[in-house]
N, C-alpha and C. Protein backbone atom coordinates (compact mmCIF):
# COMPACT_ATOMS: atom_id res chain seq x y z
N MET A 1 121.42 127.77 107.62
CA MET A 1 121.12 127.71 106.07
C MET A 1 121.24 129.39 105.78
N ALA A 2 121.38 129.87 104.69
CA ALA A 2 121.16 131.58 104.48
C ALA A 2 119.70 131.70 104.28
N ASN A 3 119.36 132.82 104.81
CA ASN A 3 118.00 133.52 104.96
C ASN A 3 117.31 133.65 103.55
N CYS A 4 116.11 133.40 103.23
CA CYS A 4 115.57 133.54 102.03
C CYS A 4 114.69 134.22 101.80
N ALA A 5 114.89 135.47 100.80
CA ALA A 5 114.19 136.39 100.45
C ALA A 5 113.52 136.84 99.13
N LEU A 6 112.37 137.37 99.09
CA LEU A 6 111.92 137.78 97.63
C LEU A 6 112.16 138.83 97.61
N ALA A 7 112.94 139.37 96.29
CA ALA A 7 113.08 140.57 96.04
C ALA A 7 112.51 140.92 94.84
N THR A 8 111.84 141.59 94.45
CA THR A 8 111.41 142.74 93.24
C THR A 8 112.16 143.88 93.02
N VAL A 9 112.74 143.76 91.87
CA VAL A 9 113.49 144.90 91.70
C VAL A 9 112.68 145.56 90.09
N THR A 10 112.70 146.73 90.00
CA THR A 10 112.03 147.57 89.41
C THR A 10 112.75 148.81 88.84
N GLY A 11 112.92 148.74 87.60
CA GLY A 11 113.60 150.40 86.95
C GLY A 11 113.90 150.20 85.75
N LYS A 12 114.42 151.38 85.01
CA LYS A 12 114.61 151.29 83.53
C LYS A 12 116.05 150.48 83.29
N LEU A 13 116.17 149.64 82.02
CA LEU A 13 117.19 149.22 81.66
C LEU A 13 118.13 150.37 81.09
N THR A 14 119.37 150.23 80.62
CA THR A 14 120.74 151.08 80.35
C THR A 14 120.03 151.80 79.35
N ASP A 15 119.18 151.08 78.39
CA ASP A 15 118.82 152.20 77.51
C ASP A 15 117.72 152.95 77.34
N GLY A 16 117.11 153.23 79.00
CA GLY A 16 116.47 154.05 78.86
C GLY A 16 115.11 153.72 78.98
N ASN A 17 114.29 152.85 78.00
CA ASN A 17 113.24 152.76 77.56
C ASN A 17 112.98 151.42 78.14
N SER A 18 113.43 150.16 78.50
CA SER A 18 112.60 149.21 78.76
C SER A 18 112.83 149.30 80.04
N LEU A 19 111.59 148.88 80.55
CA LEU A 19 110.93 148.76 82.25
C LEU A 19 111.37 147.16 82.72
N PHE A 20 112.24 147.17 83.76
CA PHE A 20 112.74 145.89 84.33
C PHE A 20 111.99 145.47 85.32
N THR A 21 111.16 144.37 85.52
CA THR A 21 110.42 144.17 86.44
C THR A 21 110.11 142.68 86.69
N SER A 22 111.11 141.96 88.04
CA SER A 22 110.81 140.88 88.04
C SER A 22 111.26 140.38 89.52
N PRO A 23 110.57 138.99 89.78
CA PRO A 23 110.88 138.90 91.17
C PRO A 23 111.88 137.39 91.29
N VAL A 24 112.61 137.31 92.26
CA VAL A 24 113.34 136.37 92.21
C VAL A 24 113.08 135.33 93.87
N ASP A 25 113.25 134.44 93.84
CA ASP A 25 113.18 133.73 95.31
C ASP A 25 114.43 132.90 95.51
N CYS A 26 115.27 133.78 96.21
CA CYS A 26 116.61 133.50 96.64
C CYS A 26 117.00 133.31 97.55
N CYS A 27 118.19 132.44 98.14
CA CYS A 27 118.76 132.07 99.40
C CYS A 27 119.95 133.00 99.26
N LEU A 28 119.65 134.16 100.52
CA LEU A 28 120.66 135.12 100.47
C LEU A 28 121.12 135.75 101.87
N ASP A 29 122.34 136.01 102.28
CA ASP A 29 122.53 136.46 103.85
C ASP A 29 122.19 137.97 104.17
N GLU A 30 122.19 138.61 104.49
CA GLU A 30 121.52 139.84 104.91
C GLU A 30 121.96 140.58 104.28
N GLN A 31 123.61 140.67 104.31
CA GLN A 31 124.17 141.82 103.08
C GLN A 31 124.04 141.82 101.84
N HIS A 32 123.87 140.39 101.12
CA HIS A 32 123.45 140.35 100.08
C HIS A 32 121.76 140.57 99.44
N ARG A 33 120.98 140.65 100.62
CA ARG A 33 119.62 141.10 100.77
C ARG A 33 119.74 142.39 100.37
N LEU A 34 120.51 143.39 101.40
CA LEU A 34 120.58 144.66 100.98
C LEU A 34 120.98 144.92 99.78
N ASP A 35 121.92 144.24 99.32
CA ASP A 35 122.90 144.62 98.07
C ASP A 35 121.60 144.43 97.05
N ILE A 36 120.53 143.24 97.00
CA ILE A 36 119.62 143.21 96.07
C ILE A 36 118.50 144.16 95.76
N TYR A 37 118.48 144.40 97.08
CA TYR A 37 116.76 145.50 97.11
C TYR A 37 117.01 146.88 96.12
N GLY A 38 115.88 147.08 95.77
CA GLY A 38 115.93 148.43 95.72
C GLY A 38 116.60 149.09 94.63
N PHE A 39 117.40 150.49 95.02
CA PHE A 39 118.36 151.64 94.73
C PHE A 39 119.71 150.54 94.38
N ALA A 40 120.39 149.67 95.47
CA ALA A 40 121.50 148.88 95.18
C ALA A 40 121.27 147.91 93.68
N ALA A 41 120.41 147.18 94.04
CA ALA A 41 119.78 146.56 92.72
C ALA A 41 120.10 146.86 91.05
N TRP A 42 119.23 148.31 91.36
CA TRP A 42 119.56 149.18 90.31
C TRP A 42 120.27 149.89 89.77
N MET A 43 121.61 150.29 90.69
CA MET A 43 122.64 150.81 90.60
C MET A 43 123.53 149.74 89.80
N ARG A 44 123.01 148.55 90.24
CA ARG A 44 124.06 147.30 89.52
C ARG A 44 123.84 147.17 88.08
N VAL A 45 122.28 147.22 87.61
CA VAL A 45 121.78 147.21 86.46
C VAL A 45 122.42 148.11 85.89
N ARG A 46 122.55 149.36 86.10
CA ARG A 46 123.12 150.88 85.32
C ARG A 46 124.60 150.53 85.13
N ARG A 47 125.29 149.80 86.09
CA ARG A 47 126.65 149.82 86.18
C ARG A 47 127.31 148.81 85.20
N PHE A 48 126.71 147.29 85.50
CA PHE A 48 127.24 146.29 84.93
C PHE A 48 126.44 145.72 83.77
N GLY A 49 124.94 146.39 83.72
CA GLY A 49 124.35 145.84 82.42
C GLY A 49 123.39 144.92 82.86
N ALA A 50 121.87 144.68 82.60
CA ALA A 50 121.15 143.81 82.63
C ALA A 50 121.43 142.57 82.63
N ARG A 51 122.62 141.94 81.54
CA ARG A 51 122.80 140.93 81.38
C ARG A 51 123.56 140.21 82.55
N ALA A 52 124.77 140.88 83.25
CA ALA A 52 125.53 140.68 84.24
C ALA A 52 124.82 140.37 85.33
N PHE A 53 123.92 141.94 85.46
CA PHE A 53 122.87 141.05 86.64
C PHE A 53 121.95 139.94 86.94
N LEU A 54 121.46 139.68 85.40
CA LEU A 54 120.65 138.95 85.65
C LEU A 54 121.37 137.21 85.83
N ARG A 55 122.67 137.56 85.21
CA ARG A 55 123.44 136.12 85.48
C ARG A 55 123.77 136.02 87.02
N SER A 56 123.86 137.49 87.59
CA SER A 56 124.87 137.08 89.26
C SER A 56 122.95 136.55 89.94
N TRP A 57 121.71 137.04 89.24
CA TRP A 57 120.74 136.50 90.18
C TRP A 57 120.43 135.09 89.75
N GLN A 58 120.77 134.80 88.50
CA GLN A 58 120.52 133.56 88.43
C GLN A 58 121.61 132.44 89.18
N GLN A 59 122.72 132.78 89.44
CA GLN A 59 123.36 132.00 90.28
C GLN A 59 123.02 132.14 91.86
N ALA A 60 122.37 133.17 92.11
CA ALA A 60 122.21 132.98 93.30
C ALA A 60 120.77 132.23 93.66
N GLU A 61 119.99 131.76 92.41
CA GLU A 61 118.83 131.17 92.43
C GLU A 61 118.95 129.62 92.96
N GLN A 62 120.44 129.34 91.97
CA GLN A 62 120.82 128.23 92.02
C GLN A 62 121.44 127.89 92.97
N GLN A 63 121.94 128.96 94.11
CA GLN A 63 122.50 128.68 95.17
C GLN A 63 121.57 128.29 95.93
N CYS A 64 120.56 128.82 96.14
CA CYS A 64 118.87 128.94 97.01
C CYS A 64 118.71 127.39 96.46
N LEU A 65 118.28 126.87 95.78
CA LEU A 65 118.02 125.69 95.80
C LEU A 65 119.10 124.56 96.10
N LYS A 66 120.16 124.74 95.97
CA LYS A 66 121.01 124.00 96.41
C LYS A 66 120.95 124.21 97.86
N ASP A 67 120.86 124.73 98.72
CA ASP A 67 120.88 125.50 99.71
C ASP A 67 119.77 124.03 100.60
N LEU A 68 118.09 125.01 99.83
CA LEU A 68 117.29 124.08 100.60
C LEU A 68 117.19 122.59 100.00
N LYS A 69 117.95 121.92 99.31
CA LYS A 69 118.21 120.47 99.02
C LYS A 69 119.06 119.86 100.01
N MET A 70 120.27 120.89 100.21
CA MET A 70 120.68 120.27 101.56
C MET A 70 119.95 120.31 102.66
N SER A 71 119.15 121.56 102.91
CA SER A 71 118.62 121.30 104.38
C SER A 71 117.24 120.44 104.51
N GLU A 72 116.89 120.09 103.35
CA GLU A 72 115.94 118.92 103.73
C GLU A 72 116.07 117.79 103.50
N PRO A 73 116.08 116.74 104.57
CA PRO A 73 116.43 115.66 104.29
C PRO A 73 115.50 114.74 103.56
N ARG A 74 116.39 114.19 102.74
CA ARG A 74 115.84 112.58 101.91
C ARG A 74 114.82 111.75 102.77
N LYS A 75 113.51 111.62 102.56
CA LYS A 75 113.01 110.72 103.12
C LYS A 75 112.16 109.17 102.08
N GLU A 76 111.95 108.47 103.29
CA GLU A 76 111.02 107.18 102.39
C GLU A 76 110.27 106.85 103.29
N VAL A 77 109.18 106.22 102.82
CA VAL A 77 108.27 105.75 103.32
C VAL A 77 108.80 104.25 103.67
N ASN A 78 108.73 103.86 105.32
CA ASN A 78 109.64 102.46 105.60
C ASN A 78 108.23 101.22 105.49
N HIS A 79 107.15 101.58 106.55
CA HIS A 79 106.37 100.85 106.91
C HIS A 79 104.83 100.95 106.66
N LEU A 80 103.87 100.67 106.91
CA LEU A 80 102.54 100.59 107.20
C LEU A 80 102.26 99.76 108.39
N VAL A 81 101.40 100.06 109.09
CA VAL A 81 100.81 99.23 110.22
C VAL A 81 99.32 99.53 110.09
N PHE A 82 98.85 98.59 110.45
CA PHE A 82 97.27 97.98 110.49
C PHE A 82 97.28 97.49 111.61
N ASN A 83 95.51 97.72 111.95
CA ASN A 83 95.04 97.29 113.53
C ASN A 83 94.03 96.13 112.68
N VAL A 84 94.18 94.83 112.90
CA VAL A 84 93.52 93.98 112.82
C VAL A 84 92.76 92.96 113.62
N ARG A 85 91.79 92.48 113.23
CA ARG A 85 90.88 91.97 114.01
C ARG A 85 91.61 90.66 114.80
N ASN A 86 92.17 90.07 114.14
CA ASN A 86 92.93 88.64 114.69
C ASN A 86 94.19 88.67 113.92
N MET A 87 95.07 88.91 114.93
CA MET A 87 96.86 88.51 114.32
C MET A 87 96.97 87.34 113.33
N ASP A 88 96.73 85.78 114.06
CA ASP A 88 96.57 84.64 113.32
C ASP A 88 96.13 84.82 111.73
N GLU A 89 95.01 85.25 112.15
CA GLU A 89 94.10 85.34 110.68
C GLU A 89 94.43 86.20 109.79
N ALA A 90 95.20 87.21 109.99
CA ALA A 90 95.55 87.86 109.17
C ALA A 90 97.25 88.02 108.74
N ILE A 91 97.90 87.28 109.41
CA ILE A 91 98.79 86.58 109.18
C ILE A 91 99.23 85.65 107.75
N LYS A 92 97.71 84.99 107.97
CA LYS A 92 97.73 83.94 107.22
C LYS A 92 97.41 84.67 105.75
N PHE A 93 96.38 85.71 105.85
CA PHE A 93 96.66 86.69 104.73
C PHE A 93 97.72 87.12 104.10
N TYR A 94 98.54 87.81 104.91
CA TYR A 94 99.45 88.33 104.27
C TYR A 94 100.63 87.79 103.84
N THR A 95 100.49 86.68 104.27
CA THR A 95 101.68 85.47 103.69
C THR A 95 101.47 84.35 102.50
N GLU A 96 99.90 84.11 102.40
CA GLU A 96 99.27 83.47 101.72
C GLU A 96 99.35 84.02 100.32
N VAL A 97 98.34 85.40 100.37
CA VAL A 97 98.16 85.91 99.26
C VAL A 97 99.38 86.94 98.75
N LEU A 98 99.58 87.65 99.84
CA LEU A 98 100.91 88.67 99.33
C LEU A 98 102.23 87.76 99.07
N GLY A 99 102.39 86.94 99.87
CA GLY A 99 103.86 86.22 99.88
C GLY A 99 104.68 86.84 100.57
N MET A 100 104.35 87.58 101.67
CA MET A 100 105.46 87.72 102.76
C MET A 100 105.45 86.97 103.78
N ARG A 101 107.01 87.20 104.86
CA ARG A 101 106.91 86.54 105.27
C ARG A 101 106.98 86.99 107.01
N VAL A 102 106.87 86.13 107.79
CA VAL A 102 106.74 86.92 109.20
C VAL A 102 108.41 86.93 109.76
N VAL A 103 108.86 88.06 110.07
CA VAL A 103 110.16 88.61 110.24
C VAL A 103 110.02 88.31 112.17
N MET A 104 109.11 89.23 112.58
CA MET A 104 108.64 89.07 114.34
C MET A 104 107.72 89.01 114.87
N LYS A 105 107.70 88.64 115.77
CA LYS A 105 106.04 88.07 115.97
C LYS A 105 106.10 88.08 117.70
N PHE A 106 105.10 88.93 118.02
CA PHE A 106 105.15 89.16 119.72
C PHE A 106 104.06 88.71 120.22
N GLU A 107 103.77 87.37 120.64
CA GLU A 107 102.54 86.67 121.13
C GLU A 107 101.62 87.77 122.56
N ASP A 108 102.80 88.16 123.17
CA ASP A 108 102.05 88.98 124.18
C ASP A 108 101.40 90.39 123.95
N ARG A 109 102.01 91.32 122.95
CA ARG A 109 101.02 92.07 122.43
C ARG A 109 100.75 91.73 121.34
N LYS A 110 100.62 90.77 120.57
CA LYS A 110 99.57 90.53 119.60
C LYS A 110 100.09 91.46 118.48
N MET A 111 101.16 91.48 118.03
CA MET A 111 101.87 92.41 117.07
C MET A 111 102.62 90.98 115.95
N ALA A 112 102.95 91.54 114.69
CA ALA A 112 103.67 90.90 113.85
C ALA A 112 104.40 92.18 112.87
N PHE A 113 105.38 91.63 112.41
CA PHE A 113 105.95 92.28 111.30
C PHE A 113 106.33 91.36 110.02
N LEU A 114 105.70 92.10 109.19
CA LEU A 114 105.91 91.12 107.76
C LEU A 114 106.79 92.07 106.96
N SER A 115 107.69 90.95 106.01
CA SER A 115 108.13 91.64 104.94
C SER A 115 108.44 91.16 103.85
N PHE A 116 108.32 92.15 103.00
CA PHE A 116 108.94 91.13 101.16
C PHE A 116 109.98 90.58 100.76
N GLY A 117 110.98 91.23 102.00
CA GLY A 117 112.54 90.74 101.65
C GLY A 117 113.45 91.64 102.01
N ASP A 118 113.27 92.73 102.02
CA ASP A 118 114.25 94.13 102.35
C ASP A 118 114.17 94.56 103.57
N ARG A 119 113.15 94.90 104.02
CA ARG A 119 112.94 95.17 105.37
C ARG A 119 112.62 94.90 106.47
N LEU A 120 112.48 95.01 107.62
CA LEU A 120 112.34 94.52 109.04
C LEU A 120 110.82 94.11 109.14
N GLY A 121 110.12 94.96 108.46
CA GLY A 121 108.57 94.72 108.51
C GLY A 121 107.38 95.81 107.28
N ASP A 122 107.34 95.70 106.49
CA ASP A 122 107.06 96.56 105.17
C ASP A 122 105.54 96.86 105.63
N ILE A 123 104.88 95.60 106.33
CA ILE A 123 103.47 95.74 106.78
C ILE A 123 103.59 95.25 108.36
N ARG A 124 102.87 96.17 109.24
CA ARG A 124 103.00 95.35 110.54
C ARG A 124 101.60 95.36 111.10
N LEU A 125 101.12 94.35 111.84
CA LEU A 125 99.80 94.07 111.99
C LEU A 125 99.99 94.21 113.50
N PHE A 126 98.47 94.73 114.34
CA PHE A 126 98.50 95.04 115.64
C PHE A 126 97.17 94.63 116.15
N GLU A 127 96.80 93.58 116.50
CA GLU A 127 95.89 93.41 116.98
C GLU A 127 94.95 93.86 118.16
N VAL A 128 93.46 94.18 117.42
CA VAL A 128 92.86 95.39 118.16
C VAL A 128 92.47 95.06 119.90
N GLY A 129 92.56 95.90 120.80
CA GLY A 129 92.49 95.30 122.26
C GLY A 129 93.68 94.70 122.75
N ALA A 130 94.23 94.20 122.29
CA ALA A 130 95.83 93.41 122.74
C ALA A 130 96.54 93.99 123.98
N THR A 131 96.17 95.10 123.70
CA THR A 131 96.98 96.33 124.81
C THR A 131 96.06 97.37 124.97
N THR A 132 96.37 98.14 126.25
CA THR A 132 95.22 99.22 126.43
C THR A 132 95.71 100.74 125.59
N GLU A 133 96.79 100.48 124.80
CA GLU A 133 97.07 101.71 123.98
C GLU A 133 96.28 102.27 123.00
N PRO A 134 95.77 103.49 123.66
CA PRO A 134 94.71 104.29 122.64
C PRO A 134 94.41 103.84 120.74
N ASP A 135 95.88 103.58 120.18
CA ASP A 135 95.64 103.44 119.00
C ASP A 135 95.66 102.19 118.67
N ARG A 136 95.49 101.39 119.71
CA ARG A 136 95.38 99.63 119.52
C ARG A 136 93.71 99.64 119.65
N GLN A 137 92.92 100.61 119.53
CA GLN A 137 91.33 100.11 120.10
C GLN A 137 90.72 99.93 118.62
N THR A 138 90.96 100.76 117.54
CA THR A 138 89.75 100.44 116.22
C THR A 138 90.70 100.12 115.37
N LEU A 139 89.68 99.05 114.57
CA LEU A 139 90.27 98.42 113.23
C LEU A 139 90.44 99.49 112.02
N GLY A 140 91.49 98.96 111.51
CA GLY A 140 92.13 99.79 110.53
C GLY A 140 93.42 100.46 110.67
N PHE A 141 93.97 101.47 109.83
CA PHE A 141 94.95 102.25 109.97
C PHE A 141 95.60 102.61 111.09
N ASN A 142 96.40 102.25 111.28
CA ASN A 142 97.32 102.68 112.57
C ASN A 142 97.97 103.55 112.34
N HIS A 143 99.26 103.64 111.71
CA HIS A 143 99.96 104.67 111.30
C HIS A 143 100.99 104.62 109.89
N LEU A 144 101.59 105.63 109.38
CA LEU A 144 102.80 105.09 108.13
C LEU A 144 103.60 105.64 108.65
N ALA A 145 104.83 105.10 108.50
CA ALA A 145 106.28 105.22 109.04
C ALA A 145 107.23 105.85 108.14
N ILE A 146 108.15 107.40 108.78
CA ILE A 146 108.65 107.68 107.40
C ILE A 146 110.10 107.51 107.73
N GLU A 147 111.24 107.56 107.38
CA GLU A 147 112.61 107.01 107.53
C GLU A 147 113.35 108.67 106.83
N PRO A 148 113.67 109.40 107.78
CA PRO A 148 114.67 110.65 107.02
C PRO A 148 116.05 110.14 107.18
N ASP A 149 117.04 110.50 106.22
CA ASP A 149 118.15 110.34 105.87
C ASP A 149 118.88 111.73 107.13
N GLY A 150 120.09 111.14 107.37
CA GLY A 150 120.55 112.45 108.44
C GLY A 150 120.54 112.07 109.79
N GLY A 151 120.38 110.79 110.16
CA GLY A 151 120.63 110.25 111.50
C GLY A 151 119.70 110.90 112.71
N LEU A 152 120.00 110.76 113.93
CA LEU A 152 119.25 111.28 114.98
C LEU A 152 119.26 112.75 114.85
N GLU A 153 119.77 113.47 114.08
CA GLU A 153 120.11 115.08 114.33
C GLU A 153 118.82 115.26 113.44
N ALA A 154 118.75 114.64 112.01
CA ALA A 154 117.65 115.06 111.30
C ALA A 154 115.99 114.73 112.20
N LEU A 155 116.27 113.55 113.00
CA LEU A 155 115.20 113.40 113.36
C LEU A 155 114.85 114.48 114.55
N GLU A 156 115.96 115.19 115.23
CA GLU A 156 115.27 116.02 115.93
C GLU A 156 114.91 117.56 115.75
N LYS A 157 115.59 117.41 114.28
CA LYS A 157 115.47 118.93 113.54
C LYS A 157 113.96 118.58 113.27
N LEU A 158 113.29 117.56 112.57
CA LEU A 158 111.83 117.18 112.22
C LEU A 158 110.97 117.59 113.10
N HIS A 159 110.87 117.19 114.36
CA HIS A 159 110.69 117.11 115.62
C HIS A 159 110.28 118.50 115.88
N GLN A 160 111.06 119.39 115.63
CA GLN A 160 111.15 120.86 116.09
C GLN A 160 110.27 121.25 114.94
N ARG A 161 110.79 120.90 114.00
CA ARG A 161 109.65 121.61 112.94
C ARG A 161 108.20 121.24 113.39
N LEU A 162 107.63 120.06 113.51
CA LEU A 162 106.38 119.65 113.83
C LEU A 162 105.94 120.56 114.82
N ILE A 163 106.83 120.96 115.95
CA ILE A 163 106.51 121.89 117.56
C ILE A 163 106.04 123.49 116.29
N ASP A 164 107.18 123.86 115.68
CA ASP A 164 106.97 125.23 114.99
C ASP A 164 105.93 125.50 114.13
N LYS A 165 105.32 124.20 113.65
CA LYS A 165 104.21 124.56 112.76
C LYS A 165 102.74 124.38 113.75
N GLY A 166 102.93 123.99 115.05
CA GLY A 166 101.55 123.79 115.07
C GLY A 166 101.17 122.25 115.30
N VAL A 167 101.93 121.32 114.72
CA VAL A 167 101.52 120.03 114.59
C VAL A 167 101.44 119.05 115.95
N LYS A 168 100.08 118.72 115.84
CA LYS A 168 99.45 117.76 117.41
C LYS A 168 100.47 116.64 117.31
N ILE A 169 101.24 116.40 118.25
CA ILE A 169 101.97 115.35 118.63
C ILE A 169 101.67 113.97 119.14
N ASP A 170 101.45 113.20 118.96
CA ASP A 170 100.74 112.30 120.05
C ASP A 170 101.93 111.75 120.72
N LYS A 171 103.01 111.08 120.47
CA LYS A 171 103.80 110.98 121.38
C LYS A 171 105.63 110.37 120.58
N LEU A 172 106.46 110.57 121.82
CA LEU A 172 107.78 110.17 121.49
C LEU A 172 108.05 108.96 122.18
N GLU A 173 108.54 107.74 121.53
CA GLU A 173 109.09 106.43 121.73
C GLU A 173 109.78 105.91 121.78
N SER A 174 110.51 105.18 122.43
CA SER A 174 111.91 104.28 121.75
C SER A 174 111.34 103.04 121.87
N HIS A 175 112.07 102.12 120.53
CA HIS A 175 111.80 100.58 121.03
C HIS A 175 113.42 100.13 120.60
N ALA A 176 114.00 98.82 120.54
CA ALA A 176 114.74 98.08 120.39
C ALA A 176 115.92 98.77 121.37
N ALA A 177 115.30 98.53 123.12
CA ALA A 177 116.15 99.18 123.69
C ALA A 177 116.88 100.51 123.47
N GLY A 178 116.33 101.46 123.09
CA GLY A 178 116.80 102.77 122.47
C GLY A 178 117.36 102.78 120.94
N ARG A 179 117.14 101.92 120.37
CA ARG A 179 117.98 102.02 119.21
C ARG A 179 117.41 102.11 118.06
N HIS A 180 115.85 102.09 118.09
CA HIS A 180 114.85 103.17 117.27
C HIS A 180 114.19 103.72 117.81
N LYS A 181 113.95 105.61 117.86
CA LYS A 181 113.40 106.75 118.11
C LYS A 181 112.66 106.89 117.12
N SER A 182 111.25 106.99 117.86
CA SER A 182 109.98 107.52 116.85
C SER A 182 109.57 108.86 117.49
N VAL A 183 109.09 109.69 116.64
CA VAL A 183 108.08 110.64 116.81
C VAL A 183 106.87 110.40 116.17
N TYR A 184 105.42 110.40 116.59
CA TYR A 184 104.30 110.19 116.13
C TYR A 184 103.76 111.50 116.07
N PHE A 185 103.11 111.78 115.23
CA PHE A 185 102.16 112.97 115.07
C PHE A 185 100.95 112.53 114.13
N PHE A 186 100.17 113.80 114.46
CA PHE A 186 98.63 113.43 113.40
C PHE A 186 99.11 114.89 112.08
N ASP A 187 98.42 114.16 111.10
CA ASP A 187 98.22 115.34 109.94
C ASP A 187 97.00 115.96 110.17
N GLN A 188 96.79 116.73 109.25
CA GLN A 188 95.23 117.75 109.44
C GLN A 188 93.95 117.02 109.41
N ASP A 189 93.99 115.80 109.11
CA ASP A 189 92.95 115.06 109.11
C ASP A 189 92.97 113.93 110.13
N GLY A 190 93.91 113.77 110.77
CA GLY A 190 93.64 112.84 111.88
C GLY A 190 94.39 112.15 111.48
N ASN A 191 95.29 111.50 110.53
CA ASN A 191 96.16 110.45 109.91
C ASN A 191 96.95 110.38 110.92
N ARG A 192 97.69 109.43 111.53
CA ARG A 192 98.85 109.03 112.44
C ARG A 192 100.08 109.03 111.78
N LEU A 193 100.97 109.56 111.80
CA LEU A 193 102.52 109.34 110.96
C LEU A 193 103.21 109.31 112.10
N GLU A 194 104.33 108.85 111.53
CA GLU A 194 106.07 108.69 112.19
C GLU A 194 107.29 109.08 111.65
N PHE A 195 107.85 109.43 112.25
CA PHE A 195 109.14 109.94 111.78
C PHE A 195 110.09 108.95 112.74
N TYR A 196 111.38 108.34 112.24
CA TYR A 196 112.01 107.71 113.15
C TYR A 196 113.12 107.55 113.02
N TRP A 197 114.47 107.05 113.58
CA TRP A 197 115.71 107.15 113.59
C TRP A 197 116.22 105.73 114.04
N GLU A 198 117.20 105.04 113.35
CA GLU A 198 117.43 103.71 113.72
C GLU A 198 118.91 103.85 113.97
N SER A 199 119.56 102.83 115.09
CA SER A 199 120.47 103.06 114.95
C SER A 199 121.87 102.08 114.00
N PRO A 200 122.83 102.03 113.58
CA PRO A 200 123.45 101.30 112.81
C PRO A 200 123.26 100.00 113.45
N ASP A 201 123.75 99.67 114.54
CA ASP A 201 123.52 98.25 114.96
C ASP A 201 122.68 97.64 114.99
N TRP A 202 121.14 98.20 115.41
CA TRP A 202 120.02 97.59 115.24
C TRP A 202 119.70 97.42 113.72
N ARG A 203 119.92 98.12 112.89
CA ARG A 203 119.83 98.23 111.38
C ARG A 203 120.35 97.05 110.86
N LYS A 204 121.71 96.59 111.49
CA LYS A 204 121.98 95.43 110.91
C LYS A 204 121.46 94.02 111.73
N GLU A 205 121.12 94.49 112.74
CA GLU A 205 120.70 93.01 113.66
C GLU A 205 119.45 92.65 112.88
N SER A 206 118.35 93.92 112.46
CA SER A 206 117.04 93.49 111.89
C SER A 206 117.20 92.83 110.27
N SER A 207 118.61 93.61 109.81
CA SER A 207 118.44 92.87 108.51
C SER A 207 119.25 91.35 108.54
N GLU A 208 119.50 91.14 109.37
CA GLU A 208 119.96 89.69 109.76
C GLU A 208 118.74 88.98 110.08
N MET A 209 117.85 89.47 110.91
CA MET A 209 116.75 88.90 110.83
C MET A 209 115.77 88.63 109.38
N VAL A 210 115.77 89.31 108.88
CA VAL A 210 115.28 89.39 107.60
C VAL A 210 116.01 88.33 106.59
N ARG A 211 117.11 88.16 106.71
CA ARG A 211 117.81 87.12 105.92
C ARG A 211 117.34 85.71 106.20
N THR A 212 117.11 85.30 107.89
CA THR A 212 116.79 84.41 108.38
C THR A 212 115.68 84.14 107.62
N ALA A 213 114.37 85.26 108.03
CA ALA A 213 113.18 84.79 107.64
C ALA A 213 113.06 84.26 106.06
N PHE A 214 113.89 84.66 105.35
CA PHE A 214 114.11 84.36 104.03
C PHE A 214 114.77 83.20 103.53
N GLY A 215 115.14 82.39 104.35
CA GLY A 215 116.52 81.71 104.17
C GLY A 215 117.82 81.93 103.51
N LYS A 216 117.90 83.40 103.99
CA LYS A 216 119.36 83.69 103.42
C LYS A 216 120.40 84.52 104.30
N ALA A 217 120.23 83.54 105.68
CA ALA A 217 121.18 84.04 106.58
C ALA A 217 122.45 84.34 106.32
N GLU A 218 122.95 85.54 107.22
CA GLU A 218 124.28 85.51 106.25
C GLU A 218 125.42 84.65 106.82
N THR A 219 126.70 84.06 105.61
CA THR A 219 127.32 83.11 105.59
C THR A 219 128.78 83.93 106.84
N PRO A 220 129.58 83.31 107.52
CA PRO A 220 130.51 83.66 108.00
C PRO A 220 131.36 83.83 107.37
N SER A 221 132.23 84.40 107.34
CA SER A 221 133.25 84.79 106.58
C SER A 221 134.45 84.17 106.94
N LYS A 222 135.38 83.76 106.12
CA LYS A 222 136.47 82.96 106.25
C LYS A 222 137.57 83.84 106.98
């Protein structure tokens, strides 16, 4: 990605009277940054006129926004996890009151994934104290999971960003035989979040589980 620079150009316009002072936040490589700074930029104004210079400037801004958009993966909130006092009682509430369906249930770990019909588990329930993991010891919010576009590479870049920003990372974890990889971390107030990636085959398998739970199992093609 091109480097971003804040350039301020100051000088007189070609009429010799007006003062030209304006900042631009633009993504430019080293050569273009040198070109837009100070005297070089002012010489462009004198040679080509203010309008031509501003037009070039606006094009650089547009390219900057395009580069930024391309470099930041689209993300969506995928699921929310709650720690509950009793898993079966919680399942009763979420199915009878919210109309959800149980897609996956783990009796040994006292976990349940409930769906509204599209995802493997829009809300996931973990029974408090069912395992020795630190995040399973208190009632209430466990974590919020966010899925970025861009595959495993995007997850790795976001993981590196967390490190670079000094974010407190809880743990790295794999699920579904390595087909779901997660980075768990905390925000500034201690709320736990998750960035994750899923392989295409696990996504396909989990989608079939959702269809089965809602009585919409895929019909084999003839």
